[in-house]
Amino acid sequence: MLLLFLKGALLGVIITAPLGPIGMLCINRTLERGFLAGFSCGFGTAVGDASYALVAVTGIAVFAETMSMATLPLAIGGGLLLLFLGWRGLTHDPVEAADIGAGGLAATTVATFLLTISNPATILSFGALFAGFGLMEETRRFSSAVIVGGVFSGSLAWWFFLSGAVTLARDKLPETFTTKVIRGTSYLLIVFGLVALASAAYTLLK
C-alpha cells in the first residue's frame, strides 16, 4: 500500500508541477498577500486533482461521455474566471497578509478548485499516467483511496514548496519587484483566459 501511495504522490507532483495559470495565480497571491493566500490556491488545486484522480481510478470509460458534454461550458467558465482574477490583480493594490481573513482564503480555495476542474483534459492526463504507472487495475476501494490520497498529498506538497519558496524570496526583494511580478502574472492570467475563451469559440464554430 505504501508503494501505491508513493505512486499517487508522484502523479500529483507530475500533474501539478508544470507552471500554468494556477501556478501563476499561486505566485501572484503569495507575493501580494503572503504564504497562506498562496497555499490556499494550492489547496483548492489539490482537491481538484484528487477529484479527477478519483474519477480516473473509478474508471474513465464510465465518465467519458459526461466529461465530453461538460468540456465546453467548463472551458468558458474557466476562461471568464481567469480574466476576472487577472483584472483584479491589475486594478487592486497589493495588501498585507494580515488583511486577509478566512473568507478571502476560502474564496481563493474555491476559485482555484473551479479552475482546476474547468479543464477536463486533466482527466485524460490522469488516465494516461495511471495506465503508465500500472494503476488502472487497482479497483478495490481501499487501494483507490490510497492512490487518491497520494495524489492529493503530492499535489499539496508541491504547492507548499512553491508558496514557501516564493514567500522566502518575497521577504528579500524590494516592494517594487513584488508589484511588478503581481502585474506580470495578472497579465498572464488574462492571456490564459483569452486563450481558453478563444479555444471554446473555435469549438463552437467548427
C-alpha atoms as a PDB file:
ATOM      1  CA  MET A   1       0.000   0.000   0.000  1.00  0.00           C
ATOM      2  CA  LEU A   2       2.931   2.343   0.640  1.00  0.00           C
ATOM      3  CA  LEU A   3       4.053   1.855  -2.962  1.00  0.00           C
ATOM      4  CA  LEU A   4       0.569   2.771  -4.204  1.00  0.00           C
ATOM      5  CA  PHE A   5       0.585   5.907  -2.051  1.00  0.00           C
ATOM      6  CA  LEU A   6       4.025   6.922  -3.339  1.00  0.00           C
ATOM      7  CA  LYS A   7       2.942   6.349  -6.939  1.00  0.00           C
ATOM      8  CA  GLY A   8      -0.109   8.520  -6.297  1.00  0.00           C
ATOM      9  CA  ALA A   9       2.027  11.244  -4.712  1.00  0.00           C
ATOM     10  CA  LEU A  10       4.386  11.209  -7.696  1.00  0.00           C
ATOM     11  CA  LEU A  11       1.404  11.530 -10.035  1.00  0.00           C
ATOM     12  CA  GLY A  12       0.191  14.505  -8.003  1.00  0.00           C
ATOM     13  CA  VAL A  13       3.536  16.265  -8.410  1.00  0.00           C
ATOM     14  CA  ILE A  14       3.795  15.441 -12.132  1.00  0.00           C
ATOM     15  CA  ILE A  15       0.312  16.810 -12.841  1.00  0.00           C
ATOM     16  CA  THR A  16       0.795  19.924 -10.706  1.00  0.00           C
ATOM     17  CA  ALA A  17       4.401  20.989 -11.271  1.00  0.00           C
ATOM     18  CA  PRO A  18       4.120  22.480 -14.811  1.00  0.00           C
ATOM     19  CA  LEU A  19       3.701  26.233 -14.315  1.00  0.00           C
ATOM     20  CA  GLY A  20       0.338  27.129 -15.862  1.00  0.00           C
ATOM     21  CA  PRO A  21      -2.347  29.684 -14.976  1.00  0.00           C
ATOM     22  CA  ILE A  22      -2.923  28.302 -11.471  1.00  0.00           C
ATOM     23  CA  GLY A  23       0.807  28.325 -10.775  1.00  0.00           C
ATOM     24  CA  MET A  24       0.914  31.968 -11.842  1.00  0.00           C
ATOM     25  CA  LEU A  25      -2.058  32.707  -9.611  1.00  0.00           C
ATOM     26  CA  CYS A  26      -0.344  30.991  -6.674  1.00  0.00           C
ATOM     27  CA  ILE A  27       2.790  33.114  -7.171  1.00  0.00           C
ATOM     28  CA  ASN A  28       0.653  36.233  -7.532  1.00  0.00           C
ATOM     29  CA  ARG A  29      -1.297  35.632  -4.336  1.00  0.00           C
ATOM     30  CA  THR A  30       1.808  34.664  -2.362  1.00  0.00           C
ATOM     31  CA  LEU A  31       3.624  37.846  -3.354  1.00  0.00           C
ATOM     32  CA  GLU A  32       0.561  40.000  -2.804  1.00  0.00           C
ATOM     33  CA  ARG A  33      -0.859  38.527   0.395  1.00  0.00           C
ATOM     34  CA  GLY A  34       1.590  36.063   1.885  1.00  0.00           C
ATOM     35  CA  PHE A  35       2.106  32.331   2.328  1.00  0.00           C
ATOM     36  CA  LEU A  36      -1.399  31.368   3.448  1.00  0.00           C
ATOM     37  CA  ALA A  37      -3.061  33.096   0.499  1.00  0.00           C
ATOM     38  CA  GLY A  38      -0.709  31.338  -1.934  1.00  0.00           C
ATOM     39  CA  PHE A  39      -1.051  27.982  -0.234  1.00  0.00           C
ATOM     40  CA  SER A  40      -4.860  28.266  -0.299  1.00  0.00           C
ATOM     41  CA  CYS A  41      -4.571  28.363  -4.104  1.00  0.00           C
ATOM     42  CA  GLY A  42      -2.673  25.101  -3.937  1.00  0.00           C
ATOM     43  CA  PHE A  43      -5.185  23.539  -1.565  1.00  0.00           C
ATOM     44  CA  GLY A  44      -8.052  24.183  -3.976  1.00  0.00           C
ATOM     45  CA  THR A  45      -5.991  22.738  -6.820  1.00  0.00           C
ATOM     46  CA  ALA A  46      -5.045  19.670  -4.783  1.00  0.00           C
ATOM     47  CA  VAL A  47      -8.734  18.993  -4.072  1.00  0.00           C
ATOM     48  CA  GLY A  48      -9.479  19.329  -7.787  1.00  0.00           C
ATOM     49  CA  ASP A  49      -6.610  16.997  -8.710  1.00  0.00           C
ATOM     50  CA  ALA A  50      -7.804  14.445  -6.142  1.00  0.00           C
ATOM     51  CA  SER A  51     -11.319  14.663  -7.594  1.00  0.00           C
ATOM     52  CA  TYR A  52     -10.026  13.905 -11.082  1.00  0.00           C
ATOM     53  CA  ALA A  53      -7.833  11.116  -9.691  1.00  0.00           C
ATOM     54  CA  LEU A  54     -10.937   9.592  -8.108  1.00  0.00           C
ATOM     55  CA  VAL A  55     -12.710   9.695 -11.468  1.00  0.00           C
ATOM     56  CA  ALA A  56      -9.689   8.134 -13.181  1.00  0.00           C
ATOM     57  CA  VAL A  57      -9.262   5.325 -10.670  1.00  0.00           C
ATOM     58  CA  THR A  58     -13.015   4.631 -10.710  1.00  0.00           C
ATOM     59  CA  GLY A  59     -12.990   4.197 -14.465  1.00  0.00           C
ATOM     60  CA  ILE A  60     -12.545   6.775 -17.198  1.00  0.00           C
ATOM     61  CA  ALA A  61     -14.844   4.963 -19.619  1.00  0.00           C
ATOM     62  CA  VAL A  62     -17.818   5.347 -17.267  1.00  0.00           C
ATOM     63  CA  PHE A  63     -17.444   9.135 -17.156  1.00  0.00           C
ATOM     64  CA  ALA A  64     -16.070   9.812 -20.648  1.00  0.00           C
ATOM     65  CA  GLU A  65     -19.397  10.840 -22.199  1.00  0.00           C
ATOM     66  CA  THR A  66     -20.342  13.102 -19.277  1.00  0.00           C
ATOM     67  CA  MET A  67     -16.937  14.802 -19.258  1.00  0.00           C
ATOM     68  CA  SER A  68     -17.148  15.330 -23.022  1.00  0.00           C
ATOM     69  CA  MET A  69     -20.506  17.104 -22.662  1.00  0.00           C
ATOM     70  CA  ALA A  70     -19.159  19.339 -19.881  1.00  0.00           C
ATOM     71  CA  THR A  71     -15.965  20.388 -21.671  1.00  0.00           C
ATOM     72  CA  LEU A  72     -17.308  23.492 -23.416  1.00  0.00           C
ATOM     73  CA  PRO A  73     -19.212  25.144 -20.520  1.00  0.00           C
ATOM     74  CA  LEU A  74     -16.351  24.404 -18.138  1.00  0.00           C
ATOM     75  CA  ALA A  75     -13.822  25.908 -20.558  1.00  0.00           C
ATOM     76  CA  ILE A  76     -15.909  29.080 -20.920  1.00  0.00           C
ATOM     77  CA  GLY A  77     -16.370  29.370 -17.152  1.00  0.00           C
ATOM     78  CA  GLY A  78     -12.672  28.806 -16.534  1.00  0.00           C
ATOM     79  CA  GLY A  79     -11.696  31.410 -19.131  1.00  0.00           C
ATOM     80  CA  LEU A  80     -14.006  34.022 -17.610  1.00  0.00           C
ATOM     81  CA  LEU A  81     -12.703  33.269 -14.123  1.00  0.00           C
ATOM     82  CA  LEU A  82      -9.102  33.718 -15.286  1.00  0.00           C
ATOM     83  CA  LEU A  83      -9.991  37.064 -16.859  1.00  0.00           C
ATOM     84  CA  PHE A  84     -11.638  38.190 -13.625  1.00  0.00           C
ATOM     85  CA  LEU A  85      -8.672  37.152 -11.484  1.00  0.00           C
ATOM     86  CA  GLY A  86      -6.251  38.897 -13.835  1.00  0.00           C
ATOM     87  CA  TRP A  87      -8.384  42.042 -13.822  1.00  0.00           C
ATOM     88  CA  ARG A  88      -8.469  42.077 -10.021  1.00  0.00           C
ATOM     89  CA  GLY A  89      -4.695  41.759  -9.897  1.00  0.00           C
ATOM     90  CA  LEU A  90      -4.320  44.802 -12.156  1.00  0.00           C
ATOM     91  CA  THR A  91      -6.927  47.023 -10.511  1.00  0.00           C
ATOM     92  CA  HIS A  92      -6.349  46.301  -6.809  1.00  0.00           C
ATOM     93  CA  ASP A  93      -3.321  47.422  -4.854  1.00  0.00           C
ATOM     94  CA  PRO A  94      -1.305  44.724  -3.047  1.00  0.00           C
ATOM     95  CA  VAL A  95      -2.392  44.183   0.546  1.00  0.00           C
ATOM     96  CA  GLU A  96      -0.568  42.801   3.559  1.00  0.00           C
ATOM     97  CA  ALA A  97      -1.155  39.198   4.594  1.00  0.00           C
ATOM     98  CA  ALA A  98      -2.636  40.375   7.894  1.00  0.00           C
ATOM     99  CA  ASP A  99      -5.542  41.931   5.996  1.00  0.00           C
ATOM    100  CA  ILE A 100      -6.693  38.608   4.574  1.00  0.00           C
ATOM    101  CA  GLY A 101      -9.374  36.886   6.623  1.00  0.00           C
ATOM    102  CA  ALA A 102     -10.762  33.379   6.452  1.00  0.00           C
ATOM    103  CA  GLY A 103     -13.319  34.433   3.871  1.00  0.00           C
ATOM    104  CA  GLY A 104     -10.589  35.591   1.493  1.00  0.00           C
ATOM    105  CA  LEU A 105      -8.697  32.326   1.844  1.00  0.00           C
ATOM    106  CA  ALA A 106     -11.869  30.274   1.376  1.00  0.00           C
ATOM    107  CA  ALA A 107     -12.789  32.235  -1.762  1.00  0.00           C
ATOM    108  CA  THR A 108      -9.301  31.673  -3.190  1.00  0.00           C
ATOM    109  CA  THR A 109      -9.536  27.935  -2.480  1.00  0.00           C
ATOM    110  CA  VAL A 110     -12.931  27.673  -4.184  1.00  0.00           C
ATOM    111  CA  ALA A 111     -11.743  29.711  -7.183  1.00  0.00           C
ATOM    112  CA  THR A 112      -8.695  27.517  -7.800  1.00  0.00           C
ATOM    113  CA  PHE A 113     -10.767  24.356  -7.339  1.00  0.00           C
ATOM    114  CA  LEU A 114     -13.164  25.592 -10.031  1.00  0.00           C
ATOM    115  CA  LEU A 115     -10.245  26.495 -12.299  1.00  0.00           C
ATOM    116  CA  THR A 116      -8.771  23.031 -11.854  1.00  0.00           C
ATOM    117  CA  ILE A 117     -11.963  21.176 -12.721  1.00  0.00           C
ATOM    118  CA  SER A 118     -12.662  23.598 -15.597  1.00  0.00           C
ATOM    119  CA  ASN A 119     -10.032  21.724 -17.613  1.00  0.00           C
ATOM    120  CA  PRO A 120     -11.497  18.279 -18.337  1.00  0.00           C
ATOM    121  CA  ALA A 121      -8.396  17.420 -20.367  1.00  0.00           C
ATOM    122  CA  THR A 122      -6.742  16.812 -16.980  1.00  0.00           C
ATOM    123  CA  ILE A 123      -8.726  13.599 -16.668  1.00  0.00           C
ATOM    124  CA  LEU A 124      -7.096  12.325 -19.855  1.00  0.00           C
ATOM    125  CA  SER A 125      -3.666  13.136 -18.447  1.00  0.00           C
ATOM    126  CA  PHE A 126      -4.525  11.222 -15.298  1.00  0.00           C
ATOM    127  CA  GLY A 127      -5.775   8.319 -17.374  1.00  0.00           C
ATOM    128  CA  ALA A 128      -2.558   8.114 -19.376  1.00  0.00           C
ATOM    129  CA  LEU A 129      -0.391   8.379 -16.252  1.00  0.00           C
ATOM    130  CA  PHE A 130      -2.491   5.835 -14.365  1.00  0.00           C
ATOM    131  CA  ALA A 131      -2.026   3.394 -17.231  1.00  0.00           C
ATOM    132  CA  GLY A 132       1.685   4.140 -17.396  1.00  0.00           C
ATOM    133  CA  PHE A 133       2.088   3.504 -13.685  1.00  0.00           C
ATOM    134  CA  GLY A 134       0.034   0.303 -13.878  1.00  0.00           C
ATOM    135  CA  LEU A 135      -2.718   1.623 -11.613  1.00  0.00           C
ATOM    136  CA  MET A 136      -5.771   1.032 -13.795  1.00  0.00           C
ATOM    137  CA  GLU A 137      -6.222  -2.455 -12.329  1.00  0.00           C
ATOM    138  CA  GLU A 138      -6.356  -1.132  -8.751  1.00  0.00           C
ATOM    139  CA  THR A 139     -10.140  -1.062  -8.432  1.00  0.00           C
ATOM    140  CA  ARG A 140     -10.523  -2.093  -4.799  1.00  0.00           C
ATOM    141  CA  ARG A 141     -11.955   0.658  -2.604  1.00  0.00           C
ATOM    142  CA  PHE A 142      -9.032   0.765  -0.172  1.00  0.00           C
ATOM    143  CA  SER A 143      -6.441   0.773  -2.958  1.00  0.00           C
ATOM    144  CA  SER A 144      -8.331   3.544  -4.759  1.00  0.00           C
ATOM    145  CA  ALA A 145      -8.487   5.617  -1.579  1.00  0.00           C
ATOM    146  CA  VAL A 146      -4.733   5.192  -1.029  1.00  0.00           C
ATOM    147  CA  ILE A 147      -3.965   6.313  -4.596  1.00  0.00           C
ATOM    148  CA  VAL A 148      -6.275   9.341  -4.418  1.00  0.00           C
ATOM    149  CA  GLY A 149      -4.788  10.255  -1.030  1.00  0.00           C
ATOM    150  CA  GLY A 150      -1.324  10.043  -2.548  1.00  0.00           C
ATOM    151  CA  VAL A 151      -2.306  12.326  -5.448  1.00  0.00           C
ATOM    152  CA  PHE A 152      -3.752  14.855  -3.022  1.00  0.00           C
ATOM    153  CA  SER A 153      -0.652  14.723  -0.796  1.00  0.00           C
ATOM    154  CA  GLY A 154       1.781  15.048  -3.695  1.00  0.00           C
ATOM    155  CA  SER A 155      -0.095  17.977  -5.192  1.00  0.00           C
ATOM    156  CA  LEU A 156      -0.378  19.707  -1.814  1.00  0.00           C
ATOM    157  CA  ALA A 157       3.319  19.168  -1.073  1.00  0.00           C
ATOM    158  CA  TRP A 158       4.249  20.856  -4.349  1.00  0.00           C
ATOM    159  CA  TRP A 159       2.086  23.913  -3.607  1.00  0.00           C
ATOM    160  CA  PHE A 160       3.521  24.097  -0.079  1.00  0.00           C
ATOM    161  CA  PHE A 161       7.024  24.125  -1.556  1.00  0.00           C
ATOM    162  CA  LEU A 162       6.169  26.724  -4.214  1.00  0.00           C
ATOM    163  CA  SER A 163       4.363  29.058  -1.803  1.00  0.00           C
ATOM    164  CA  GLY A 164       7.144  28.717   0.764  1.00  0.00           C
ATOM    165  CA  ALA A 165       9.884  29.391  -1.783  1.00  0.00           C
ATOM    166  CA  VAL A 166       8.092  32.471  -3.129  1.00  0.00           C
ATOM    167  CA  THR A 167       7.477  33.729   0.423  1.00  0.00           C
ATOM    168  CA  LEU A 168      11.169  33.457   1.290  1.00  0.00           C
ATOM    169  CA  ALA A 169      12.131  35.272  -1.898  1.00  0.00           C
ATOM    170  CA  ARG A 170       9.444  37.891  -1.315  1.00  0.00           C
ATOM    171  CA  ASP A 171      10.921  38.856   2.049  1.00  0.00           C
ATOM    172  CA  LYS A 172      14.325  39.504   0.457  1.00  0.00           C
ATOM    173  CA  LEU A 173      13.159  41.541  -2.528  1.00  0.00           C
ATOM    174  CA  PRO A 174      12.219  45.223  -2.795  1.00  0.00           C
ATOM    175  CA  GLU A 175       8.496  46.037  -2.828  1.00  0.00           C
ATOM    176  CA  THR A 176       8.710  47.353  -6.398  1.00  0.00           C
ATOM    177  CA  PHE A 177       9.770  43.898  -7.594  1.00  0.00           C
ATOM    178  CA  THR A 178       6.768  42.304  -5.896  1.00  0.00           C
ATOM    179  CA  THR A 179       4.406  44.787  -7.548  1.00  0.00           C
ATOM    180  CA  LYS A 180       5.925  44.151 -10.974  1.00  0.00           C
ATOM    181  CA  VAL A 181       5.617  40.383 -10.619  1.00  0.00           C
ATOM    182  CA  ILE A 182       1.988  40.701  -9.478  1.00  0.00           C
ATOM    183  CA  ARG A 183       1.215  42.853 -12.511  1.00  0.00           C
ATOM    184  CA  GLY A 184       3.070  40.465 -14.810  1.00  0.00           C
ATOM    185  CA  THR A 185       1.295  37.358 -13.517  1.00  0.00           C
ATOM    186  CA  SER A 186      -2.039  39.192 -13.765  1.00  0.00           C
ATOM    187  CA  TYR A 187      -1.400  39.890 -17.454  1.00  0.00           C
ATOM    188  CA  LEU A 188      -0.509  36.230 -17.956  1.00  0.00           C
ATOM    189  CA  LEU A 189      -3.761  35.158 -16.281  1.00  0.00           C
ATOM    190  CA  ILE A 190      -5.653  37.388 -18.715  1.00  0.00           C
ATOM    191  CA  VAL A 191      -3.765  35.831 -21.632  1.00  0.00           C
ATOM    192  CA  PHE A 192      -4.585  32.326 -20.395  1.00  0.00           C
ATOM    193  CA  GLY A 193      -8.239  33.372 -20.036  1.00  0.00           C
ATOM    194  CA  LEU A 194      -8.384  34.761 -23.572  1.00  0.00           C
ATOM    195  CA  VAL A 195      -6.790  31.597 -24.955  1.00  0.00           C
ATOM    196  CA  ALA A 196      -9.357  29.450 -23.130  1.00  0.00           C
ATOM    197  CA  LEU A 197     -12.247  31.538 -24.477  1.00  0.00           C
ATOM    198  CA  ALA A 198     -10.771  31.547 -27.988  1.00  0.00           C
ATOM    199  CA  SER A 199     -10.478  27.770 -27.867  1.00  0.00           C
ATOM    200  CA  ALA A 200     -14.106  27.495 -26.720  1.00  0.00           C
ATOM    201  CA  ALA A 201     -15.223  29.850 -29.522  1.00  0.00           C
ATOM    202  CA  TYR A 202     -13.309  27.783 -32.082  1.00  0.00           C
ATOM    203  CA  THR A 203     -15.036  24.636 -30.824  1.00  0.00           C
ATOM    204  CA  LEU A 204     -18.433  26.301 -31.177  1.00  0.00           C
ATOM    205  CA  LEU A 205     -17.721  27.499 -34.727  1.00  0.00           C
ATOM    206  CA  LYS A 206     -16.348  24.209 -36.024  1.00  0.00           C
END
